[in-house]
Amino acid sequence: MLSALDLARRIEAGTLTPRAVVEMCAQAIAAREAEIGAFTALDLEGARRIADSRAALPLRGLPVGIKDIFDTVDFPTAYGFSAYAGHRPNSDAAMVMAVRRAGGIILGKTVTTELASLQPAGTRNPRNPAHTPGGSSSGSAAAVAAGMVPLAFGSQTGGSVIRPAAYCGVAGYKPSYRLMPTVGIKTFSWSLDTVGLFGAGIEDVAFAAATTTGRDLRIDRQAPQAPSIALVRTHLWPDATPDMQAAVERAARIAEAAGARVTELTLPEIFEDAIRYHGIVQDHEAFRALAYEYDMHRDKLGPILSAQLDNAAAITTDRYDDARRNTRRARQVFAELMATTDVILTPSAPDAAPHGLSATGKPTFNRLWTLLGAPCVNVPGLIDPNGLPLGVQIVGRFARDKIALAAARHLEAALAQAAKR
């Protein structure tokens, strides 16, 4: 994989050019894209032409992959849906412009599942191509894991950043809700959709988030501080495989040995109901956000999304409003709960990447935190007996993203040190 921060430092020092980084990406794409299928569109020649002119800007001309639900004027934007094949928006999404302004080069559009749903899109996992890379940000996670780009943007409504990052063994960062604008991104659920980032390591996604938002999110300029971590199993803990359960518990022990203060936390009962609220809010809004596609192109929808929207049609506004009210209560309780710890440690997914490409995995351990709007970070570094990545998740307090990123880096470093022993 390519470390965005390392590449940026080398470009800043004058020992590497952005054009040379584009060539690194081009070589990886030539070697693996035919097998992995991470991109829907590429413009290597365009990247070569302009890369060196961006070297003085914060992102240093680094190549970036953009999930194909973000509008782009210079690439087709099909939202993973056949009815939009060849569609050319008239403007870039807000985050695409943020990347350009920061000096990033849009190398290509990465594969999304159909309209960012659970309907698989065919991308393979670079760690083992017989396994899913997850979804819906399938191509973004796979492109980073295969070394095709140092950075890629995706989005999360349920678990579409953290789960693919876990399956592909990369760092994934879902910021606090609304920290990054979703203007110009195909909506699935306006109360939940959140822009996210993929990189080789935690410092890389923090660097990219800082440069594209102008926020103080970089964590590479000071030594990692030992955080306080609450191990949270939730009532869904039995849904995690024994390997995943062992991975989370091992991560807690390693973090504690590295100086973190680790406690165990049992969530109040309100959070058991909150996961149900997520489904109500998400699907009620999806039925409306995707009304045109459902009413005018239902015959083109895949069976998973079609069935989801069929069922969503029965969700009444009263149920939706009740779920929204209870969500606000859950967020208040969560804020109070987080006063006792820096971050939470929990699984990123129930298991390693499932075999086959017929499903993208389950967002079991993602939906609650997405509903609460909390910053989430997948920390890579652990593997199962078959050599597949097992991601563990750091969850922070809303709008305390830098604390969550720093805690994730502390754990990442501790896992890397333990792996050497």
Protein backbone atom coordinates (compact mmCIF):
# COMPACT_ATOMS: atom_id res chain seq x y z
CA MET A 1 0.00 0.00 0.00
CA LEU A 2 0.99 3.63 -0.50
CA SER A 3 1.18 5.91 2.55
CA ALA A 4 -0.27 9.30 1.61
CA LEU A 5 1.55 11.08 4.42
CA ASP A 6 4.92 9.54 3.55
CA LEU A 7 4.48 10.42 -0.13
CA ALA A 8 3.44 13.98 0.72
CA ARG A 9 6.48 14.46 2.94
CA ARG A 10 8.80 13.18 0.21
CA ILE A 11 7.22 15.48 -2.35
CA GLU A 12 7.56 18.42 0.05
CA ALA A 13 11.22 17.53 0.60
CA GLY A 14 11.85 17.40 -3.15
CA THR A 15 12.89 13.75 -3.24
CA LEU A 16 9.77 12.63 -5.12
CA THR A 17 7.45 14.20 -7.69
CA PRO A 18 3.68 13.88 -7.90
CA ARG A 19 4.11 12.56 -11.44
CA ALA A 20 6.25 9.72 -10.04
CA VAL A 21 3.45 8.85 -7.60
CA VAL A 22 0.98 8.72 -10.48
CA GLU A 23 3.32 6.24 -12.17
CA MET A 24 3.38 4.09 -9.02
CA CYS A 25 -0.41 4.02 -9.10
CA ALA A 26 -0.44 3.28 -12.82
CA GLN A 27 1.83 0.28 -12.30
CA ALA A 28 -0.39 -1.11 -9.55
CA ILE A 29 -3.49 -0.56 -11.67
CA ALA A 30 -1.90 -2.32 -14.63
CA ALA A 31 -0.95 -5.25 -12.40
CA ARG A 32 -4.21 -5.71 -10.46
CA GLU A 33 -7.20 -3.77 -11.81
CA ALA A 34 -8.27 -6.47 -14.27
CA GLU A 35 -8.64 -8.91 -11.37
CA ILE A 36 -9.92 -6.56 -8.66
CA GLY A 37 -12.23 -4.23 -10.59
CA ALA A 38 -11.93 -1.22 -8.28
CA PHE A 39 -12.62 1.52 -10.85
CA THR A 40 -15.47 2.52 -13.15
CA ALA A 41 -13.38 5.20 -14.89
CA LEU A 42 -9.73 6.27 -14.96
CA ASP A 43 -7.75 9.18 -16.40
CA LEU A 44 -4.07 8.40 -15.97
CA GLU A 45 -2.98 10.69 -18.79
CA GLY A 46 -4.87 13.62 -17.33
CA ALA A 47 -3.29 12.95 -13.94
CA ARG A 48 0.18 12.82 -15.47
CA ARG A 49 -0.33 16.18 -17.16
CA ILE A 50 -1.32 18.14 -14.07
CA ALA A 51 0.18 16.28 -11.09
CA ASP A 52 3.43 18.24 -10.76
CA SER A 53 1.59 21.58 -10.89
CA ARG A 54 -0.11 20.72 -7.58
CA ALA A 55 3.05 19.91 -5.60
CA ALA A 56 2.94 23.11 -3.52
CA LEU A 57 -0.63 22.59 -2.35
CA PRO A 58 -1.51 20.71 0.88
CA LEU A 59 -2.28 17.34 -0.79
CA ARG A 60 0.90 17.66 -2.89
CA GLY A 61 -0.64 16.39 -6.12
CA LEU A 62 -1.44 12.96 -4.68
CA PRO A 63 -3.80 10.74 -6.72
CA VAL A 64 -7.22 10.18 -5.15
CA GLY A 65 -10.05 7.76 -5.91
CA ILE A 66 -13.63 9.04 -5.67
CA LYS A 67 -16.64 6.78 -5.07
CA ASP A 68 -19.01 6.86 -8.01
CA ILE A 69 -21.85 8.47 -6.09
CA PHE A 70 -19.92 11.77 -5.93
CA ASP A 71 -20.72 14.03 -8.88
CA THR A 72 -17.75 14.81 -11.15
CA VAL A 73 -17.73 16.93 -14.30
CA ASP A 74 -14.75 15.20 -15.90
CA PHE A 75 -15.80 11.59 -15.24
CA PRO A 76 -19.11 9.82 -15.81
CA THR A 77 -21.13 9.47 -12.60
CA ALA A 78 -23.48 6.51 -12.77
CA TYR A 79 -24.13 5.90 -9.04
CA GLY A 80 -23.63 2.19 -9.66
CA PHE A 81 -26.96 2.08 -11.52
CA SER A 82 -27.42 1.11 -15.16
CA ALA A 83 -30.05 3.79 -15.81
CA TYR A 84 -27.35 6.45 -15.30
CA ALA A 85 -24.72 4.93 -17.60
CA GLY A 86 -22.71 7.74 -19.20
CA HIS A 87 -24.31 10.43 -17.02
CA ARG A 88 -22.22 13.63 -16.85
CA PRO A 89 -23.08 16.05 -14.02
CA ASN A 90 -22.71 19.78 -14.63
CA SER A 91 -20.75 20.34 -11.43
CA ASP A 92 -18.47 18.60 -8.97
CA ALA A 93 -19.61 17.48 -5.53
CA ALA A 94 -18.46 19.73 -2.72
CA MET A 95 -15.89 17.19 -1.46
CA VAL A 96 -14.54 16.66 -4.98
CA MET A 97 -13.89 20.40 -5.17
CA ALA A 98 -12.32 20.26 -1.71
CA VAL A 99 -9.89 17.62 -2.99
CA ARG A 100 -9.05 19.70 -6.05
CA ARG A 101 -8.58 22.89 -4.02
CA ALA A 102 -6.25 21.04 -1.64
CA GLY A 103 -4.11 19.84 -4.54
CA GLY A 104 -5.35 16.28 -4.93
CA ILE A 105 -5.62 14.70 -8.38
CA ILE A 106 -8.79 12.77 -9.17
CA LEU A 107 -7.32 9.64 -10.72
CA GLY A 108 -10.63 7.90 -11.24
CA LYS A 109 -14.08 6.94 -10.01
CA THR A 110 -14.26 3.89 -7.77
CA VAL A 111 -16.96 1.23 -7.88
CA THR A 112 -19.99 1.64 -5.66
CA THR A 113 -22.70 -0.89 -5.06
CA GLU A 114 -26.00 -0.04 -6.72
CA LEU A 115 -27.05 3.43 -5.51
CA ALA A 116 -24.85 2.82 -2.43
CA SER A 117 -27.06 -0.05 -1.27
CA LEU A 118 -26.30 -3.64 -0.24
CA GLN A 119 -26.54 -4.84 -3.86
CA PRO A 120 -23.01 -6.15 -4.74
CA ALA A 121 -21.12 -4.69 -7.69
CA GLY A 122 -18.44 -7.27 -8.50
CA THR A 123 -15.28 -5.72 -7.03
CA ARG A 124 -12.96 -8.29 -5.44
CA ASN A 125 -10.98 -8.11 -2.23
CA PRO A 126 -7.25 -7.56 -2.90
CA ARG A 127 -6.38 -9.61 0.20
CA ASN A 128 -8.09 -12.63 -1.36
CA PRO A 129 -10.03 -12.11 -4.61
CA ALA A 130 -12.39 -14.97 -3.73
CA HIS A 131 -13.82 -12.77 -0.97
CA THR A 132 -15.97 -9.63 -0.95
CA PRO A 133 -14.33 -6.24 -0.29
CA GLY A 134 -17.53 -5.16 1.47
CA GLY A 135 -19.73 -2.27 0.42
CA SER A 136 -21.02 0.09 -0.52
CA SER A 137 -17.63 1.79 -0.89
CA SER A 138 -16.25 -1.38 -2.48
CA GLY A 139 -13.89 0.15 -5.02
CA SER A 140 -12.47 2.80 -2.71
CA ALA A 141 -11.38 0.28 -0.08
CA ALA A 142 -10.06 -2.16 -2.68
CA ALA A 143 -8.13 0.52 -4.60
CA VAL A 144 -6.25 1.59 -1.48
CA ALA A 145 -5.61 -2.00 -0.35
CA ALA A 146 -4.18 -2.87 -3.78
CA GLY A 147 -1.86 0.16 -3.82
CA MET A 148 -3.70 1.73 -6.78
CA VAL A 149 -4.17 5.04 -4.94
CA PRO A 150 -2.90 6.33 -1.60
CA LEU A 151 -6.29 7.84 -0.72
CA ALA A 152 -9.92 7.26 -1.64
CA PHE A 153 -13.22 8.79 -0.62
CA GLY A 154 -16.38 6.84 0.13
CA SER A 155 -19.54 7.25 2.15
CA GLN A 156 -21.34 5.51 4.98
CA THR A 157 -25.05 5.23 5.72
CA GLY A 158 -24.89 1.98 7.68
CA GLY A 159 -21.36 0.56 7.59
CA SER A 160 -20.11 1.42 4.11
CA VAL A 161 -16.72 2.82 5.13
CA ILE A 162 -15.75 0.92 8.26
CA ARG A 163 -16.77 -2.54 7.04
CA PRO A 164 -14.93 -2.40 3.65
CA ALA A 165 -11.88 -0.96 5.41
CA ALA A 166 -11.96 -3.86 7.85
CA TYR A 167 -12.40 -6.47 5.13
CA CYS A 168 -9.59 -5.02 3.00
CA GLY A 169 -7.18 -4.34 5.88
CA VAL A 170 -6.88 -0.57 5.48
CA ALA A 171 -7.58 2.43 7.67
CA GLY A 172 -11.12 3.73 7.31
CA TYR A 173 -12.42 6.94 8.85
CA LYS A 174 -16.09 7.90 9.09
CA PRO A 175 -16.12 11.42 10.53
CA SER A 176 -18.74 12.90 12.79
CA TYR A 177 -21.98 13.47 10.93
CA ARG A 178 -21.82 16.59 8.72
CA LEU A 179 -18.13 17.24 9.35
CA MET A 180 -17.69 16.84 5.57
CA PRO A 181 -20.34 18.15 3.16
CA THR A 182 -22.53 15.72 1.23
CA VAL A 183 -23.61 18.30 -1.38
CA GLY A 184 -23.41 16.70 -4.82
CA ILE A 185 -23.47 13.12 -3.50
CA LYS A 186 -26.31 10.75 -4.42
CA THR A 187 -28.50 10.63 -1.34
CA PHE A 188 -29.61 7.39 0.28
CA SER A 189 -30.58 8.74 3.71
CA TRP A 190 -30.11 12.45 4.37
CA SER A 191 -30.09 11.96 8.15
CA LEU A 192 -27.33 9.34 8.03
CA ASP A 193 -25.16 9.71 4.88
CA THR A 194 -21.60 10.62 5.86
CA VAL A 195 -18.48 11.13 3.73
CA GLY A 196 -15.57 8.84 4.65
CA LEU A 197 -11.92 8.23 3.84
CA PHE A 198 -9.64 5.26 3.15
CA GLY A 199 -5.85 5.20 3.50
CA ALA A 200 -3.00 2.87 4.31
CA GLY A 201 -2.86 3.98 7.95
CA ILE A 202 -4.57 6.20 10.50
CA GLU A 203 -2.15 9.11 10.02
CA ASP A 204 -2.93 9.03 6.30
CA VAL A 205 -6.69 9.45 6.67
CA ALA A 206 -6.19 12.12 9.34
CA PHE A 207 -3.83 14.00 7.02
CA ALA A 208 -6.30 13.82 4.14
CA ALA A 209 -9.21 14.90 6.32
CA ALA A 210 -7.23 17.86 7.63
CA THR A 211 -6.11 19.06 4.21
CA THR A 212 -9.56 18.80 2.62
CA THR A 213 -11.55 20.33 5.47
CA GLY A 214 -9.11 22.87 6.92
CA ARG A 215 -9.70 21.37 10.36
CA ASP A 216 -7.08 20.56 12.98
CA LEU A 217 -7.18 16.79 12.50
CA ARG A 218 -3.55 15.87 11.84
CA ILE A 219 -2.12 13.51 14.43
CA ASP A 220 1.38 12.97 13.01
CA ARG A 221 3.00 16.01 14.59
CA GLN A 222 3.01 14.81 18.18
CA ALA A 223 3.76 11.55 19.98
CA PRO A 224 0.73 9.32 20.54
CA GLN A 225 -0.84 9.79 23.96
CA ALA A 226 -2.27 6.78 25.75
CA PRO A 227 -6.07 7.10 25.67
CA SER A 228 -8.78 5.82 27.93
CA ILE A 229 -10.65 3.07 26.09
CA ALA A 230 -13.96 1.43 26.97
CA LEU A 231 -14.39 -2.07 25.59
CA VAL A 232 -18.01 -2.31 24.45
CA ARG A 233 -19.44 -5.62 23.35
CA THR A 234 -23.08 -4.46 22.91
CA HIS A 235 -25.97 -6.91 22.97
CA LEU A 236 -24.91 -8.00 19.47
CA TRP A 237 -21.61 -9.48 20.67
CA PRO A 238 -22.80 -13.06 19.99
CA ASP A 239 -23.16 -12.10 16.31
CA ALA A 240 -19.37 -11.72 16.09
CA THR A 241 -17.41 -14.84 15.24
CA PRO A 242 -15.05 -16.28 17.87
CA ASP A 243 -12.11 -14.98 15.80
CA MET A 244 -13.53 -11.45 15.83
CA GLN A 245 -14.33 -11.58 19.53
CA ALA A 246 -10.79 -12.74 20.24
CA ALA A 247 -9.36 -9.99 18.02
CA VAL A 248 -11.20 -7.23 19.89
CA GLU A 249 -10.21 -8.63 23.29
CA ARG A 250 -6.59 -9.02 22.13
CA ALA A 251 -6.59 -5.43 20.89
CA ALA A 252 -7.78 -4.29 24.32
CA ARG A 253 -4.99 -6.19 26.06
CA ILE A 254 -2.35 -4.84 23.66
CA ALA A 255 -3.63 -1.27 24.07
CA GLU A 256 -3.52 -1.64 27.86
CA ALA A 257 0.03 -3.01 27.73
CA ALA A 258 0.96 0.06 25.66
CA GLY A 259 -0.32 2.40 28.39
CA ALA A 260 -4.00 2.86 27.60
CA ARG A 261 -6.50 2.80 30.45
CA VAL A 262 -8.95 0.08 29.46
CA THR A 263 -12.31 -0.47 31.12
CA GLU A 264 -15.45 -2.37 30.15
CA LEU A 265 -18.69 -0.56 29.46
CA THR A 266 -22.20 -1.93 29.17
CA LEU A 267 -24.51 0.25 27.10
CA PRO A 268 -27.90 1.26 28.47
CA GLU A 269 -30.96 -0.47 27.05
CA ILE A 270 -31.88 2.53 24.90
CA PHE A 271 -29.10 1.58 22.48
CA GLU A 272 -30.64 -1.80 21.78
CA ASP A 273 -33.69 -0.01 20.43
CA ALA A 274 -31.53 2.53 18.59
CA ILE A 275 -30.32 -0.06 16.09
CA ARG A 276 -33.95 -0.63 15.11
CA TYR A 277 -34.39 3.14 14.76
CA HIS A 278 -31.52 3.17 12.28
CA GLY A 279 -33.37 0.86 9.91
CA ILE A 280 -36.58 2.87 10.16
CA VAL A 281 -34.88 6.21 9.51
CA GLN A 282 -32.64 4.88 6.75
CA ASP A 283 -35.32 3.04 4.80
CA HIS A 284 -38.05 5.67 5.17
CA GLU A 285 -35.68 8.26 3.75
CA ALA A 286 -34.30 5.93 1.05
CA PHE A 287 -37.82 5.32 -0.27
CA ARG A 288 -38.10 9.07 -0.81
CA ALA A 289 -34.52 9.85 -1.84
CA LEU A 290 -34.68 7.12 -4.50
CA ALA A 291 -38.28 7.80 -5.54
CA TYR A 292 -37.34 8.53 -9.17
CA GLU A 293 -35.33 5.34 -9.54
CA TYR A 294 -38.01 3.26 -7.80
CA ASP A 295 -40.96 4.70 -9.73
CA MET A 296 -39.35 5.13 -13.15
CA HIS A 297 -36.67 2.41 -13.32
CA ARG A 298 -37.81 -0.31 -10.92
CA ASP A 299 -37.18 -2.96 -13.55
CA LYS A 300 -33.46 -2.08 -13.50
CA LEU A 301 -33.06 -2.31 -9.72
CA GLY A 302 -31.28 -5.35 -8.29
CA PRO A 303 -33.30 -7.73 -6.11
CA ILE A 304 -31.75 -6.66 -2.79
CA LEU A 305 -32.42 -2.94 -3.20
CA SER A 306 -35.80 -3.53 -4.84
CA ALA A 307 -36.98 -5.62 -1.90
CA GLN A 308 -35.59 -3.09 0.59
CA LEU A 309 -37.54 -0.26 -1.04
CA ASP A 310 -40.68 -2.40 -1.33
CA ASN A 311 -40.59 -2.93 2.42
CA ALA A 312 -39.68 0.71 3.08
CA ALA A 313 -42.90 1.83 1.42
CA ALA A 314 -44.80 0.49 4.46
CA ILE A 315 -42.94 2.63 7.00
CA THR A 316 -45.39 5.31 8.14
CA THR A 317 -44.44 8.88 8.88
CA ASP A 318 -45.52 8.30 12.50
CA ARG A 319 -43.00 5.44 12.86
CA TYR A 320 -40.35 7.57 11.22
CA ASP A 321 -41.03 10.59 13.46
CA ASP A 322 -41.00 8.39 16.54
CA ALA A 323 -37.65 6.89 15.49
CA ARG A 324 -36.23 10.37 14.96
CA ARG A 325 -37.38 11.50 18.41
CA ASN A 326 -35.86 8.45 20.06
CA THR A 327 -32.67 8.89 18.06
CA ARG A 328 -32.26 12.37 19.55
CA ARG A 329 -32.67 10.89 23.03
CA ALA A 330 -30.10 8.18 22.29
CA ARG A 331 -27.61 10.79 21.09
CA GLN A 332 -28.02 12.74 24.31
CA VAL A 333 -27.46 9.61 26.41
CA PHE A 334 -24.41 8.73 24.30
CA ALA A 335 -22.88 12.16 24.87
CA GLU A 336 -23.29 11.72 28.63
CA LEU A 337 -21.84 8.21 28.46
CA MET A 338 -18.75 9.37 26.58
CA ALA A 339 -17.86 11.78 29.38
CA THR A 340 -16.27 8.83 31.19
CA THR A 341 -13.92 7.69 28.40
CA ASP A 342 -12.01 8.98 25.38
CA VAL A 343 -13.19 6.29 22.97
CA ILE A 344 -14.97 2.97 22.64
CA LEU A 345 -13.41 -0.21 21.26
CA THR A 346 -15.75 -2.61 19.44
CA PRO A 347 -15.73 -4.83 16.33
CA SER A 348 -15.70 -3.24 12.88
CA ALA A 349 -17.62 -6.19 11.43
CA PRO A 350 -18.96 -9.54 12.64
CA ASP A 351 -16.15 -11.43 10.93
CA ALA A 352 -13.47 -11.29 8.27
CA ALA A 353 -14.57 -10.74 4.67
CA PRO A 354 -17.09 -13.45 3.70
CA HIS A 355 -16.27 -15.80 0.85
CA GLY A 356 -17.90 -15.01 -2.48
CA LEU A 357 -19.26 -11.90 -4.16
CA SER A 358 -23.00 -12.41 -3.69
CA ALA A 359 -23.17 -10.18 -0.60
CA THR A 360 -21.19 -7.30 0.91
CA GLY A 361 -21.33 -8.42 4.55
CA LYS A 362 -23.43 -7.21 7.45
CA PRO A 363 -23.35 -3.72 9.07
CA THR A 364 -24.16 -5.27 12.46
CA PHE A 365 -21.49 -3.35 14.37
CA ASN A 366 -21.78 -0.11 12.39
CA ARG A 367 -25.42 0.98 12.33
CA LEU A 368 -25.62 2.17 15.94
CA TRP A 369 -22.58 4.43 15.69
CA THR A 370 -23.71 5.84 12.34
CA LEU A 371 -27.12 6.65 13.82
CA LEU A 372 -25.45 8.43 16.73
CA GLY A 373 -23.31 10.49 14.34
CA ALA A 374 -20.11 9.45 16.12
CA PRO A 375 -16.64 9.45 14.52
CA CYS A 376 -15.52 5.89 13.75
CA VAL A 377 -12.11 4.57 12.71
CA ASN A 378 -11.24 1.09 11.48
CA VAL A 379 -7.85 0.09 12.88
CA PRO A 380 -6.02 -2.48 10.74
CA GLY A 381 -3.33 -4.84 11.96
CA LEU A 382 -4.98 -8.10 13.04
CA ILE A 383 -5.65 -11.16 10.88
CA ASP A 384 -7.64 -14.37 11.21
CA PRO A 385 -6.19 -17.91 10.90
CA ASN A 386 -6.79 -17.77 7.12
CA GLY A 387 -4.76 -14.60 6.71
CA LEU A 388 -7.74 -12.30 6.21
CA PRO A 389 -7.85 -8.93 8.00
CA LEU A 390 -9.90 -8.54 11.18
CA GLY A 391 -10.71 -4.88 11.76
CA VAL A 392 -11.37 -3.40 15.16
CA GLN A 393 -13.24 -0.14 15.53
CA ILE A 394 -12.55 2.96 17.59
CA VAL A 395 -15.67 5.08 18.21
CA GLY A 396 -15.38 8.60 19.58
CA ARG A 397 -17.63 11.29 20.92
CA PHE A 398 -19.49 13.43 18.41
CA ALA A 399 -17.32 16.31 17.11
CA ARG A 400 -14.25 14.97 18.95
CA ASP A 401 -12.76 13.45 15.83
CA LYS A 402 -9.13 14.26 16.55
CA ILE A 403 -9.32 12.41 19.87
CA ALA A 404 -10.77 9.37 18.09
CA LEU A 405 -8.10 9.48 15.38
CA ALA A 406 -5.30 9.83 17.94
CA ALA A 407 -6.62 6.90 19.97
CA ALA A 408 -6.86 4.82 16.81
CA ARG A 409 -3.27 5.65 15.94
CA HIS A 410 -2.16 4.64 19.46
CA LEU A 411 -3.85 1.28 19.03
CA GLU A 412 -2.52 0.85 15.48
CA ALA A 413 1.03 1.45 16.69
CA ALA A 414 0.56 -0.94 19.62
CA LEU A 415 -0.75 -3.68 17.31
CA ALA A 416 2.17 -3.18 14.94
CA GLN A 417 4.66 -3.40 17.81
CA ALA A 418 3.01 -6.53 19.18
CA ALA A 419 3.16 -8.16 15.73
CA LYS A 420 6.94 -7.77 15.74
CA ARG A 421 7.35 -9.67 19.00
